Protein backbone atom coordinates (compact mmCIF):
# COMPACT_ATOMS: atom_id res chain seq x y z
CA UNK A 1 91.03 52.71 146.34
CA UNK A 2 90.80 56.47 146.75
CA UNK A 3 89.26 56.64 150.12
CA UNK A 4 91.71 54.20 151.67
CA UNK A 5 94.64 56.24 149.96
CA UNK A 6 93.46 59.73 151.36
CA UNK A 7 92.93 58.70 154.51
CA UNK A 8 96.87 56.60 154.67
CA UNK A 9 98.19 59.95 153.45
CA UNK A 10 96.10 62.32 155.34
CA UNK A 11 97.08 60.00 158.74
CA UNK A 12 101.12 59.69 157.67
CA UNK A 13 101.51 63.72 157.32
CA UNK A 14 99.36 64.66 160.55
CA UNK A 15 101.81 62.16 162.19
CA UNK A 16 104.82 63.47 161.02
CA UNK A 17 103.21 66.86 161.28
CA UNK A 18 103.95 67.67 157.65
CA UNK A 19 101.72 68.85 154.72
CA UNK A 20 99.86 66.21 152.65
CA UNK A 21 102.33 67.99 149.59
CA UNK A 22 104.91 66.95 150.80
CA UNK A 23 103.84 63.23 151.87
CA UNK A 24 102.63 62.92 148.55
CA UNK A 25 106.00 64.26 147.03
CA UNK A 26 108.31 62.06 148.85
CA UNK A 27 105.91 58.93 147.88
CA UNK A 28 106.35 60.17 144.04
CA UNK A 29 110.06 60.24 145.00
CA UNK A 30 110.54 56.51 146.69
CA UNK A 31 108.47 55.06 143.70
CA UNK A 32 110.77 56.17 141.19
CA UNK A 33 113.59 54.73 143.08
CA UNK A 34 111.96 51.23 143.36
CA UNK A 35 111.09 51.34 139.65
CA UNK A 36 114.41 51.82 138.11
CA UNK A 37 116.05 49.14 140.13
CA UNK A 38 112.89 46.76 138.80
CA UNK A 39 112.31 47.85 135.13
CA UNK A 40 114.17 50.49 134.16
CA UNK A 41 118.01 51.44 133.67
CA UNK A 42 120.18 53.64 135.58
CA UNK A 43 120.15 56.03 132.99
CA UNK A 44 116.61 56.37 132.35
CA UNK A 45 115.06 59.35 133.78
CA UNK A 46 111.75 59.13 135.29
CA UNK A 47 109.38 60.34 137.15
CA UNK A 48 106.19 58.88 139.00
CA UNK A 49 103.30 60.92 139.29
CA UNK A 50 100.61 59.88 142.28
CA UNK A 51 96.49 60.89 141.25
CA UNK A 52 95.36 62.57 145.25
CA UNK A 53 91.63 61.65 143.76
CA UNK A 54 92.11 58.21 143.43
CA UNK A 55 95.20 57.16 144.48
CA UNK A 56 96.21 55.99 140.92
CA UNK A 57 100.70 55.86 140.11
CA UNK A 58 101.84 56.49 136.26
CA UNK A 59 105.40 56.28 135.37
CA UNK A 60 106.71 58.59 132.93
CA UNK A 61 110.26 58.44 131.13
CA UNK A 62 111.68 61.83 130.29
CA UNK A 63 113.40 62.42 126.49
CA UNK A 64 114.80 65.23 124.74
CA UNK A 65 113.24 66.05 121.40
CA UNK A 66 116.19 66.39 118.78
CA UNK A 67 116.15 65.78 114.86
CA UNK A 68 118.72 62.97 115.07
CA UNK A 69 119.16 60.90 117.69
CA UNK A 70 122.62 60.07 119.13
CA UNK A 71 121.50 58.89 122.72
CA UNK A 72 118.13 57.04 122.27
CA UNK A 73 117.82 56.38 126.08
CA UNK A 74 117.66 60.42 126.64
CA UNK A 75 116.81 61.78 123.13
CA UNK A 76 113.66 61.02 120.87
CA UNK A 77 112.78 61.98 117.06
CA UNK A 78 110.87 64.95 116.43
CA UNK A 79 108.74 62.89 114.14
CA UNK A 80 107.98 59.87 117.00
CA UNK A 81 107.39 62.63 120.02
CA UNK A 82 104.37 64.15 117.98
CA UNK A 83 103.33 60.68 117.80
CA UNK A 84 102.57 61.22 121.75
CA UNK A 85 102.24 65.22 121.82
CA UNK A 86 101.24 66.85 118.40
CA UNK A 87 102.90 70.10 119.46
CA UNK A 88 106.55 69.01 120.34
CA UNK A 89 109.24 70.80 119.39
CA UNK A 90 113.07 70.57 118.58
CA UNK A 91 114.80 71.32 122.54
CA UNK A 92 111.67 70.53 124.31
CA UNK A 93 111.35 67.65 127.19
CA UNK A 94 108.48 64.95 127.02
CA UNK A 95 106.86 62.69 129.05
CA UNK A 96 106.52 59.36 127.76
CA UNK A 97 104.62 56.77 130.01
CA UNK A 98 106.16 53.64 130.72
CA UNK A 99 104.37 52.18 133.69
CA UNK A 100 105.97 48.83 134.82
CA UNK A 101 102.76 46.45 135.31
CA UNK A 102 103.52 45.39 138.82
CA UNK A 103 106.13 45.82 141.16
CA UNK A 104 108.28 43.15 142.88
CA UNK A 105 108.65 42.28 146.61
CA UNK A 106 112.21 43.67 146.22
CA UNK A 107 110.95 47.19 144.64
CA UNK A 108 107.99 47.41 147.35
CA UNK A 109 111.09 47.12 150.03
CA UNK A 110 113.73 49.77 148.24
CA UNK A 111 110.55 52.22 148.21
CA UNK A 112 109.06 51.90 151.79
CA UNK A 113 112.57 52.73 152.87
CA UNK A 114 112.85 55.28 150.41
CA UNK A 115 109.56 56.74 151.58
CA UNK A 116 110.55 56.73 155.12
CA UNK A 117 113.60 58.36 154.56
CA UNK A 118 112.44 61.19 152.16
CA UNK A 119 109.81 61.59 155.30
CA UNK A 120 112.89 61.80 157.69
CA UNK A 121 114.27 64.51 155.28
CA UNK A 122 111.26 66.58 154.77
CA UNK A 123 110.28 66.67 158.79
CA UNK A 124 114.09 67.65 159.91
CA UNK A 125 113.76 70.29 156.78
CA UNK A 126 110.09 71.91 158.21
CA UNK A 127 111.79 70.84 161.48
CA UNK A 128 114.73 73.26 160.41
CA UNK A 129 112.67 76.05 158.87
CA UNK A 130 110.56 76.65 161.55
CA UNK A 131 113.15 77.23 164.40
CA UNK A 132 115.09 79.00 162.21
CA UNK A 133 112.36 81.99 161.79
CA UNK A 134 112.07 81.17 166.22
CA UNK A 135 115.41 81.90 166.81
CA UNK A 136 115.83 84.88 169.21
CA UNK A 137 112.51 83.89 170.55
CA UNK A 138 111.34 82.16 173.93
CA UNK A 139 109.83 78.50 173.74
CA UNK A 140 108.86 76.29 176.41
CA UNK A 141 109.80 72.85 176.71
CA UNK A 142 110.62 69.41 179.67
CA UNK A 143 113.54 68.32 180.77
CA UNK A 144 113.67 64.84 178.92
CA UNK A 145 117.27 63.56 180.28
CA UNK A 146 120.03 65.29 182.26
CA UNK A 147 123.70 64.65 181.69
CA UNK A 148 126.92 65.85 182.91
CA UNK A 149 128.47 67.67 179.62
CA UNK A 150 124.27 68.53 178.63
CA UNK A 151 120.41 68.60 179.03
CA UNK A 152 118.19 67.73 176.31
CA UNK A 153 114.72 69.64 176.54
CA UNK A 154 112.01 68.20 174.81
CA UNK A 155 110.23 70.79 172.82
CA UNK A 156 107.01 68.54 171.04
CA UNK A 157 107.84 68.61 167.60
CA UNK A 158 112.35 67.81 168.12
CA UNK A 159 114.92 67.63 171.33
CA UNK A 160 116.70 70.84 171.87
CA UNK A 161 120.14 70.89 173.71
CA UNK A 162 121.11 73.15 177.10
CA UNK A 163 124.93 73.24 177.21
CA UNK A 164 126.54 73.68 180.60
CA UNK A 165 127.83 77.24 179.78
CA UNK A 166 124.26 78.17 179.02
CA UNK A 167 122.71 76.62 182.16
CA UNK A 168 122.57 79.18 185.54
CA UNK A 169 124.78 77.43 188.10
CA UNK A 170 122.75 77.87 191.05
CA UNK A 171 119.47 75.63 189.36
CA UNK A 172 118.83 72.13 189.78
CA UNK A 173 117.29 69.97 186.99
CA UNK A 174 115.07 67.49 186.91
CA UNK A 175 113.31 65.50 184.44
CA UNK A 176 109.72 66.61 183.70
CA UNK A 177 110.59 69.78 184.75
CA UNK A 178 109.21 72.58 182.34
CA UNK A 179 111.60 75.49 181.77
CA UNK A 180 110.85 78.68 179.09
CA UNK A 181 114.39 78.37 177.48
CA UNK A 182 115.81 81.31 174.53
CA UNK A 183 117.20 79.57 171.44
CA UNK A 184 120.49 80.57 170.38
CA UNK A 185 120.40 79.20 167.40
CA UNK A 186 119.43 76.41 165.06
CA UNK A 187 122.30 74.50 163.49
CA UNK A 188 121.73 72.14 160.67
CA UNK A 189 123.46 68.76 160.73
CA UNK A 190 123.62 64.87 159.46
CA UNK A 191 121.21 63.70 162.21
CA UNK A 192 118.86 66.45 161.38
CA UNK A 193 118.97 70.10 162.50
CA UNK A 194 120.26 70.91 166.28
CA UNK A 195 118.41 73.55 168.45
CA UNK A 196 120.49 75.13 170.74
CA UNK A 197 118.63 77.12 173.67
CA UNK A 198 119.86 78.96 176.85
CA UNK A 199 118.95 79.97 180.68
CA UNK A 200 121.40 81.98 181.10
CA UNK A 201 121.42 84.60 178.01
CA UNK A 202 120.24 88.03 178.76
CA UNK A 203 117.87 88.22 176.55
CA UNK A 204 115.42 85.74 177.90
CA UNK A 205 114.70 88.34 180.59
CA UNK A 206 114.00 90.24 177.92
CA UNK A 207 111.33 88.11 176.15
CA UNK A 208 109.93 87.28 179.50
CA UNK A 209 109.31 90.97 180.08
CA UNK A 210 107.76 91.02 176.74
CA UNK A 211 105.40 88.14 178.16
CA UNK A 212 104.57 89.83 181.35
CA UNK A 213 104.01 93.31 180.19
CA UNK A 214 101.80 94.49 178.04
CA UNK A 215 102.97 97.57 177.10
CA UNK A 216 106.38 96.29 176.60
CA UNK A 217 104.52 93.83 173.65
CA UNK A 218 102.56 96.72 172.62
CA UNK A 219 105.34 99.43 171.78
CA UNK A 220 104.39 101.53 174.66
CA UNK A 221 106.90 100.93 177.31
CA UNK A 222 110.58 100.47 175.36
CA UNK A 223 113.22 98.15 176.81
CA UNK A 224 116.16 100.26 176.72
CA UNK A 225 119.12 97.94 178.17
CA UNK A 226 119.28 94.76 180.27
CA UNK A 227 122.35 93.74 182.31
CA UNK A 228 122.23 90.43 183.88
CA UNK A 229 124.34 87.81 185.99
CA UNK A 230 122.60 84.78 185.74
CA UNK A 231 121.36 83.38 189.11
CA UNK A 232 122.08 86.62 191.43
CA UNK A 233 120.42 90.13 190.29
CA UNK A 234 119.63 91.78 186.66
CA UNK A 235 118.80 95.43 185.56
CA UNK A 236 116.28 96.67 183.37
CA UNK A 237 115.95 100.06 181.60
CA UNK A 238 112.89 100.68 180.36
CA UNK A 239 111.73 104.38 178.63
CA UNK A 240 107.92 105.32 178.01
CA UNK A 241 106.86 106.28 174.55
CA UNK A 242 103.66 108.11 175.63
CA UNK A 243 103.49 110.77 177.70
CA UNK A 244 101.68 110.21 181.24
CA UNK A 245 102.87 106.27 181.28
CA UNK A 246 104.73 105.10 183.98
CA UNK A 247 107.10 102.84 182.49
CA UNK A 248 108.88 101.61 186.03
CA UNK A 249 104.77 100.62 187.05
CA UNK A 250 104.07 99.28 184.26
CA UNK A 251 107.07 96.75 184.21
CA UNK A 252 106.34 96.21 188.37
CA UNK A 253 102.25 95.78 188.00
CA UNK A 254 99.99 96.10 190.62
CA UNK A 255 101.83 94.62 194.01
CA UNK A 256 104.31 93.58 192.22
CA UNK A 257 102.96 91.26 190.86
CA UNK A 258 104.51 91.26 186.76
CA UNK A 259 108.15 91.06 188.20
CA UNK A 260 106.97 88.80 190.36
CA UNK A 261 106.32 85.95 188.11
CA UNK A 262 109.52 86.76 186.48
CA UNK A 263 110.96 86.86 189.18
CA UNK A 264 109.27 82.84 190.09
CA UNK A 265 110.73 81.94 186.09
CA UNK A 266 113.74 82.72 187.04
CA UNK A 267 113.89 81.03 190.26
CA UNK A 268 113.89 83.90 192.81
CA UNK A 269 116.71 86.25 190.57
CA UNK A 270 116.69 89.64 191.84
CA UNK A 271 115.47 92.11 189.56
CA UNK A 272 115.41 96.10 189.30
CA UNK A 273 113.93 98.14 187.33
CA UNK A 274 114.92 101.54 186.51
CA UNK A 275 114.02 104.60 184.71
CA UNK A 276 116.12 105.40 181.44
CA UNK A 277 117.56 108.94 180.45
CA UNK A 278 118.80 110.99 177.56
CA UNK A 279 121.22 112.38 180.48
CA UNK A 280 124.00 110.29 181.05
CA UNK A 281 124.60 111.13 184.65
CA UNK A 282 121.03 111.02 185.69
CA UNK A 283 120.72 107.86 183.46
CA UNK A 284 123.79 106.67 186.15
CA UNK A 285 123.03 107.61 188.99
CA UNK A 286 119.45 105.61 188.34
CA UNK A 287 121.76 102.99 187.55
CA UNK A 288 123.60 102.81 190.79
CA UNK A 289 119.63 102.36 192.81
CA UNK A 290 118.79 101.88 195.25
CA UNK A 291 121.93 103.67 196.44
CA UNK A 292 121.57 107.51 196.69
CA UNK A 293 124.46 109.79 194.53
CA UNK A 294 125.35 112.95 195.28
CA UNK A 295 127.11 114.03 192.37
CA UNK A 296 128.38 112.86 188.40
CA UNK A 297 131.27 113.97 186.76
CA UNK A 298 131.50 112.62 182.91
CA UNK A 299 135.03 112.62 180.59
CA UNK A 300 132.94 112.13 177.33
CA UNK A 301 136.66 111.54 175.77
CA UNK A 302 137.24 108.80 178.00
CA UNK A 303 133.72 107.26 178.33
CA UNK A 304 134.25 107.37 182.06
CA UNK A 305 132.31 108.87 185.12
CA UNK A 306 133.30 109.51 188.56
CA UNK A 307 130.50 108.86 190.77
CA UNK A 308 130.40 110.81 194.49
CA UNK A 309 127.96 109.19 196.90
CA UNK A 310 127.33 109.75 200.58
CA UNK A 311 129.83 107.76 203.26
CA UNK A 312 127.07 105.52 204.72
CA UNK A 313 126.20 104.46 200.58
CA UNK A 314 129.10 103.80 199.42
CA UNK A 315 128.97 99.85 200.17
CA UNK A 316 125.36 99.82 198.90
CA UNK A 317 126.76 102.00 195.60
CA UNK A 318 129.28 99.04 195.44
CA UNK A 319 127.19 96.05 195.89
CA UNK A 320 128.10 92.33 197.37
CA UNK A 321 131.92 91.46 195.64
CA UNK A 322 131.20 95.20 193.17
CA UNK A 323 128.26 93.12 191.55
CA UNK A 324 125.85 96.33 191.66
CA UNK A 325 128.77 98.61 190.32
CA UNK A 326 129.70 96.23 187.54
CA UNK A 327 126.03 95.86 186.49
CA UNK A 328 125.64 99.12 186.25
CA UNK A 329 128.59 99.73 184.26
CA UNK A 330 126.88 97.22 182.00
CA UNK A 331 123.64 99.11 181.81
CA UNK A 332 124.64 102.16 181.08
CA UNK A 333 128.02 101.06 178.48
CA UNK A 334 129.91 103.75 181.03
CA UNK A 335 132.89 102.90 182.87
CA UNK A 336 131.82 103.61 186.30
CA UNK A 337 134.65 105.15 189.30
CA UNK A 338 132.46 105.12 192.58
CA UNK A 339 134.38 107.39 195.64
CA UNK A 340 132.30 108.92 199.04
CA UNK A 341 132.13 112.64 199.90
CA UNK A 342 135.21 112.21 202.55
CA UNK A 343 137.31 110.67 199.65
CA UNK A 344 136.08 113.88 197.21
CA UNK A 345 137.20 116.15 200.14
CA UNK A 346 140.77 114.57 200.44
CA UNK A 347 141.30 114.77 196.76
CA UNK A 348 140.02 118.34 196.72
CA UNK A 349 141.94 119.21 199.55
CA UNK A 350 145.16 117.63 198.22
CA UNK A 351 144.86 119.62 194.91
CA UNK A 352 144.68 122.77 196.58
CA UNK A 353 147.69 122.10 198.10
CA UNK A 354 149.89 120.98 195.57
CA UNK A 355 149.72 124.35 192.94
CA UNK A 356 151.10 126.44 196.20
CA UNK A 357 154.19 124.65 196.18
CA UNK A 358 154.65 124.48 192.43
CA UNK A 359 154.19 128.60 192.65
CA UNK A 360 156.74 128.99 195.07
CA UNK A 361 159.19 126.65 193.12
CA UNK A 362 158.31 128.84 190.16
CA UNK A 363 159.29 131.94 192.27
CA UNK A 364 162.30 131.50 193.26
CA UNK A 365 164.09 132.39 190.38
CA UNK A 366 162.26 135.38 190.57
CA UNK A 367 163.42 136.31 193.85
CA UNK A 368 166.99 135.91 193.01
CA UNK A 369 166.65 138.95 190.22
CA UNK A 370 164.52 141.03 192.40
CA UNK A 371 167.11 140.33 195.87
CA UNK A 372 170.71 139.48 194.92
CA UNK A 373 171.93 140.76 197.89
CA UNK A 374 170.14 137.89 200.15
CA UNK A 375 172.13 135.29 197.97
CA UNK A 376 175.51 137.09 198.58
CA UNK A 377 174.71 136.88 202.34
CA UNK A 378 173.94 133.01 201.97
CA UNK A 379 177.35 132.63 199.92
CA UNK A 380 178.98 133.96 202.60
CA UNK A 381 177.20 131.78 205.17
CA UNK A 382 178.34 128.70 203.34
CA UNK A 383 181.24 127.09 205.37
CA UNK A 384 184.17 127.35 203.44
CA UNK A 385 186.79 125.48 201.57
CA UNK A 386 188.79 123.35 204.18
CA UNK A 387 192.60 124.55 203.91
CA UNK A 388 195.59 122.25 203.68
CA UNK A 389 197.87 122.70 206.48
CA UNK A 390 201.73 122.60 205.55
CA UNK A 391 204.08 119.65 207.36
CA UNK A 392 206.43 121.26 210.30
CA UNK A 393 209.80 120.44 210.69
CA UNK A 394 211.93 118.76 213.82
CA UNK A 395 213.50 122.27 214.32
CA UNK A 396 210.14 124.43 214.87
CA UNK A 397 208.42 121.80 216.93
CA UNK A 398 211.74 122.41 219.29
CA UNK A 399 211.29 125.61 219.17
CA UNK A 400 207.37 125.79 220.41
CA UNK A 401 208.05 123.71 222.44
CA UNK A 402 210.89 125.95 224.73
CA UNK A 403 208.40 128.65 224.12
CA UNK A 404 206.01 126.40 226.00
CA UNK A 405 208.27 125.86 229.02
CA UNK A 406 208.76 130.01 230.09
CA UNK A 407 205.09 130.02 229.96
CA UNK A 408 204.65 132.69 228.08
CA UNK A 409 201.66 131.45 225.70
CA UNK A 410 199.58 133.90 223.44
CA UNK A 411 196.07 132.92 224.16
CA UNK A 412 194.25 133.69 220.67
CA UNK A 413 190.81 134.42 220.10
CA UNK A 414 188.49 132.49 218.36
CA UNK A 415 187.47 135.89 216.37
CA UNK A 416 191.03 136.89 215.80
CA UNK A 417 192.25 133.26 214.55
CA UNK A 418 189.59 133.46 211.91
CA UNK A 419 190.33 136.70 210.66
CA UNK A 420 194.27 135.71 211.04
CA UNK A 421 193.37 132.22 208.90
CA UNK A 422 191.12 134.65 206.76
CA UNK A 423 194.25 136.96 206.05
CA UNK A 424 196.45 134.40 205.68
CA UNK A 425 199.22 135.95 207.57
CA UNK A 426 199.76 133.81 210.80
CA UNK A 427 199.62 130.00 210.94
CA UNK A 428 197.33 127.93 212.60
CA UNK A 429 198.42 126.18 216.16
CA UNK A 430 197.48 122.87 218.17
CA UNK A 431 197.69 121.87 221.60
CA UNK A 432 200.31 120.04 220.58
CA UNK A 433 202.49 122.60 219.66
CA UNK A 434 201.50 124.74 222.56
CA UNK A 435 201.62 122.41 225.50
CA UNK A 436 205.30 120.60 226.71
CA UNK A 437 205.79 117.42 225.12
CA UNK A 438 204.91 113.76 226.74
CA UNK A 439 208.39 113.10 227.51
CA UNK A 440 208.94 116.08 229.53
CA UNK A 441 206.11 115.93 231.45
CA UNK A 442 206.83 112.14 232.39
CA UNK A 443 210.85 113.66 233.80
CA UNK A 444 208.49 116.06 235.40
CA UNK A 445 206.52 114.08 237.51
CA UNK A 446 209.26 111.22 237.92
CA UNK A 447 211.38 113.54 239.75
CA UNK A 448 208.72 114.89 242.12
CA UNK A 449 207.74 111.58 243.14
CA UNK A 450 211.22 110.60 244.07
CA UNK A 451 211.61 114.44 246.46
CA UNK A 452 208.44 112.79 247.94
CA UNK A 453 210.29 109.74 248.99
CA UNK A 454 213.70 111.59 250.16
CA UNK A 455 211.35 113.64 252.66
CA UNK A 456 209.43 110.91 253.91
CA UNK A 457 212.57 108.83 254.66
CA UNK A 458 214.24 111.45 256.76
CA UNK A 459 210.65 111.96 258.98
CA UNK A 460 211.10 110.14 262.44
CA UNK A 461 208.20 107.51 262.59
CA UNK A 462 205.37 108.62 264.99
CA UNK A 463 204.76 105.54 267.77
CA UNK A 464 201.30 103.97 268.25
CA UNK A 465 199.64 104.93 270.91
CA UNK A 466 198.83 102.12 273.51
CA UNK A 467 195.00 101.33 274.08
CA UNK A 468 195.48 102.06 278.15
CA UNK A 469 197.18 105.87 277.18
CA UNK A 470 193.14 106.40 276.59
CA UNK A 471 191.52 104.92 279.11
CA UNK A 472 190.38 107.08 281.87
CA UNK A 473 191.40 106.52 285.79
CA UNK A 474 188.54 105.42 286.94
CA UNK A 475 188.00 102.85 284.25
CA UNK A 476 191.04 101.47 285.11
CA UNK A 477 190.29 100.95 288.62
């Protein structure tokens, strides 16, 4: 009996990956449920004990020692308690053995179901405790099945879930494929613990470096910062804690063997390993590699950096669709603005021109104070306001027309007219005022035509010569 019980207990513990003590406790709980339905009432407080040496089962009723009994199911008088235990005292709980002679078929089925349930609960609890301690770590799993929503990964003891938002979109997963995964979180559910893993998290890259580079795992080289765009490109900043150690060389390895293993695990993702620096300007310049940087200007208040690069290096510094600059900003936690050397020169030129214009504007009031005569000259050169003319009566208009008929017109120079106009001694005269009116002109023209017609009528008409008068005598003959 002893040998068979121990063999069965050991085999069950091995199958469920549980300690023997946990399996034994589950069996005892199952026996309590079975015996309560068979031989005891629901109010009885009973426990079952299994002797691991021989597998013998004993059932006990637990009662509290009291002076006067009110509830005989849960309480026992002190005189009766001392029959089972001579040292019993009031307030203590004693165990009274009440093992049934045998268990029926229903009790056996109940015990079996309860044992399986308790084992499942114990197994789930053990898995939850194990993987809770492995959060933020890396594990190896096998793709079990692929669905549009998520991928199920077999981790051996349990099953993990790889959601679509934690997948690398340019990777193709297939059943049976082995992957290294980052444990994102472990959640307790009614069906047991649910383990969520990731392939796109940046800490996956950190854990892969710890696996491949012994100096990082040992603490000689430290990973300061990681920036990653899963499936495309990543940047890693490393620093050495010991003098004489090349952090970048340790990560790359001999002939690039270490970094190549990480790249192969990530399906060809490009990885840039750069040296970390305490100086933000140097760190930002290193983060923009492989592009060369001419200068870095920092703004500590806004935590922004203005980086100047050669014209030929501008596209390399920005990267495809801004990827290099974006990763550098994530790696350094600084906002980076990139410009070329020619753009920087134009900006400096614009700054030089702008202050000179400001100086001229500010000097204008001082010039007015120092040279008031210039202001006076300028005012003199300004056009004078328009003079409103008084209307001319018909009598004045006839007098002016008569003066024009006598051809005694006075020519007024522009300078004299301006002087007279300024002085106000003369009145402005227009062309209509000086020349004769249209009616007089039309009358003179009509009389001139009539005279010409009379002269033409008085003159005799000349006879038109005949053609023969113009011919020579020789031609006539």
